[in-house]
C-alpha atoms as a PDB file:
ATOM      1  CA  UNK A   1      17.651  16.300  23.365  1.00  0.00           C
ATOM      2  CA  UNK A   2      18.343  12.845  21.857  1.00  0.00           C
ATOM      3  CA  UNK A   3      15.514  11.389  23.949  1.00  0.00           C
ATOM      4  CA  UNK A   4      13.005  13.549  22.065  1.00  0.00           C
ATOM      5  CA  UNK A   5      13.911  12.173  18.625  1.00  0.00           C
ATOM      6  CA  UNK A   6      12.224   8.753  18.971  1.00  0.00           C
ATOM      7  CA  UNK A   7       9.032  10.411  20.164  1.00  0.00           C
ATOM      8  CA  UNK A   8       8.920  13.075  17.468  1.00  0.00           C
ATOM      9  CA  UNK A   9       9.774  10.601  14.709  1.00  0.00           C
ATOM     10  CA  UNK A  10       6.968   8.322  15.921  1.00  0.00           C
ATOM     11  CA  UNK A  11       4.529  11.229  15.869  1.00  0.00           C
ATOM     12  CA  UNK A  12       5.648  12.190  12.354  1.00  0.00           C
ATOM     13  CA  UNK A  13       5.295   8.607  11.085  1.00  0.00           C
ATOM     14  CA  UNK A  14       1.852   8.278  12.660  1.00  0.00           C
ATOM     15  CA  UNK A  15       0.714  11.570  11.140  1.00  0.00           C
ATOM     16  CA  UNK A  16       1.884  10.419   7.705  1.00  0.00           C
ATOM     17  CA  UNK A  17       0.385   6.914   7.797  1.00  0.00           C
ATOM     18  CA  UNK A  18      -2.791   7.218   9.873  1.00  0.00           C
ATOM     19  CA  UNK A  19      -4.948   8.582   7.025  1.00  0.00           C
ATOM     20  CA  UNK A  20      -4.090   5.507   4.940  1.00  0.00           C
ATOM     21  CA  UNK A  21      -4.784   3.139   7.817  1.00  0.00           C
ATOM     22  CA  UNK A  22      -8.144   4.829   8.386  1.00  0.00           C
ATOM     23  CA  UNK A  23      -9.105   4.406   4.724  1.00  0.00           C
ATOM     24  CA  UNK A  24      -8.163   0.728   4.828  1.00  0.00           C
ATOM     25  CA  UNK A  25     -10.115   0.185   8.050  1.00  0.00           C
ATOM     26  CA  UNK A  26     -13.219   2.051   6.917  1.00  0.00           C
ATOM     27  CA  UNK A  27     -13.428   0.828   3.319  1.00  0.00           C
ATOM     28  CA  UNK A  28     -11.558  -2.457   3.261  1.00  0.00           C
ATOM     29  CA  UNK A  29      -8.356  -2.912   1.265  1.00  0.00           C
ATOM     30  CA  UNK A  30      -9.976  -3.486  -2.129  1.00  0.00           C
ATOM     31  CA  UNK A  31     -12.232  -0.405  -2.167  1.00  0.00           C
ATOM     32  CA  UNK A  32      -9.575   1.796  -0.551  1.00  0.00           C
ATOM     33  CA  UNK A  33      -7.009   0.780  -3.190  1.00  0.00           C
ATOM     34  CA  UNK A  34      -9.499   1.335  -6.016  1.00  0.00           C
ATOM     35  CA  UNK A  35     -10.205   4.854  -4.790  1.00  0.00           C
ATOM     36  CA  UNK A  36      -6.690   5.885  -3.735  1.00  0.00           C
ATOM     37  CA  UNK A  37      -3.855   5.730  -6.271  1.00  0.00           C
ATOM     38  CA  UNK A  38      -1.226   6.029  -3.525  1.00  0.00           C
ATOM     39  CA  UNK A  39      -2.515   2.919  -1.764  1.00  0.00           C
ATOM     40  CA  UNK A  40      -2.788   1.122  -5.107  1.00  0.00           C
ATOM     41  CA  UNK A  41       0.911   1.791  -5.753  1.00  0.00           C
ATOM     42  CA  UNK A  42       1.700  -0.125  -2.563  1.00  0.00           C
ATOM     43  CA  UNK A  43       0.164  -3.355  -3.806  1.00  0.00           C
ATOM     44  CA  UNK A  44       2.496  -6.222  -4.710  1.00  0.00           C
ATOM     45  CA  UNK A  45       0.203  -9.244  -5.146  1.00  0.00           C
ATOM     46  CA  UNK A  46      -3.559  -9.607  -5.585  1.00  0.00           C
ATOM     47  CA  UNK A  47      -5.082 -13.093  -5.432  1.00  0.00           C
ATOM     48  CA  UNK A  48      -1.705 -14.674  -6.165  1.00  0.00           C
ATOM     49  CA  UNK A  49      -1.008 -12.451  -9.191  1.00  0.00           C
ATOM     50  CA  UNK A  50       1.916 -10.032  -9.128  1.00  0.00           C
ATOM     51  CA  UNK A  51       0.918  -6.414  -9.756  1.00  0.00           C
ATOM     52  CA  UNK A  52       4.245  -4.703  -8.985  1.00  0.00           C
ATOM     53  CA  UNK A  53       6.901  -4.600 -11.700  1.00  0.00           C
ATOM     54  CA  UNK A  54       9.847  -4.866  -9.322  1.00  0.00           C
ATOM     55  CA  UNK A  55       8.486  -8.065  -7.784  1.00  0.00           C
ATOM     56  CA  UNK A  56       7.602  -9.538 -11.186  1.00  0.00           C
ATOM     57  CA  UNK A  57      11.093  -8.774 -12.513  1.00  0.00           C
ATOM     58  CA  UNK A  58      12.861 -10.082  -9.411  1.00  0.00           C
ATOM     59  CA  UNK A  59      11.096 -13.438  -9.563  1.00  0.00           C
ATOM     60  CA  UNK A  60      10.627 -13.761 -13.314  1.00  0.00           C
ATOM     61  CA  UNK A  61       6.846 -13.778 -13.012  1.00  0.00           C
ATOM     62  CA  UNK A  62       4.256 -12.201 -15.290  1.00  0.00           C
ATOM     63  CA  UNK A  63       2.912  -8.844 -14.191  1.00  0.00           C
ATOM     64  CA  UNK A  64      -0.818  -8.182 -14.071  1.00  0.00           C
ATOM     65  CA  UNK A  65      -2.807  -4.952 -13.956  1.00  0.00           C
ATOM     66  CA  UNK A  66      -3.873  -3.996 -10.438  1.00  0.00           C
ATOM     67  CA  UNK A  67      -6.748  -1.952 -11.882  1.00  0.00           C
ATOM     68  CA  UNK A  68      -8.221  -4.982 -13.633  1.00  0.00           C
ATOM     69  CA  UNK A  69      -7.785  -7.291 -10.643  1.00  0.00           C
ATOM     70  CA  UNK A  70      -9.333  -4.759  -8.261  1.00  0.00           C
ATOM     71  CA  UNK A  71     -12.477  -4.671 -10.410  1.00  0.00           C
ATOM     72  CA  UNK A  72     -13.040  -8.426 -10.065  1.00  0.00           C
END
């Protein structure tokens, strides 16, 4: 039984992430992140500007709006 766990966990991870990978591949990262709030939440930096609060706080950097930077 333990031998089945790596396989089934890989299948589960692929099933969960493949739709996001397909969106990124078909639309490009910028358009995919503009259209999908879940992908947008995964952004940390856009064009050298921090868009994730945790990263901004950790490094003492200003935080910018991902929505505004994605429209540029």
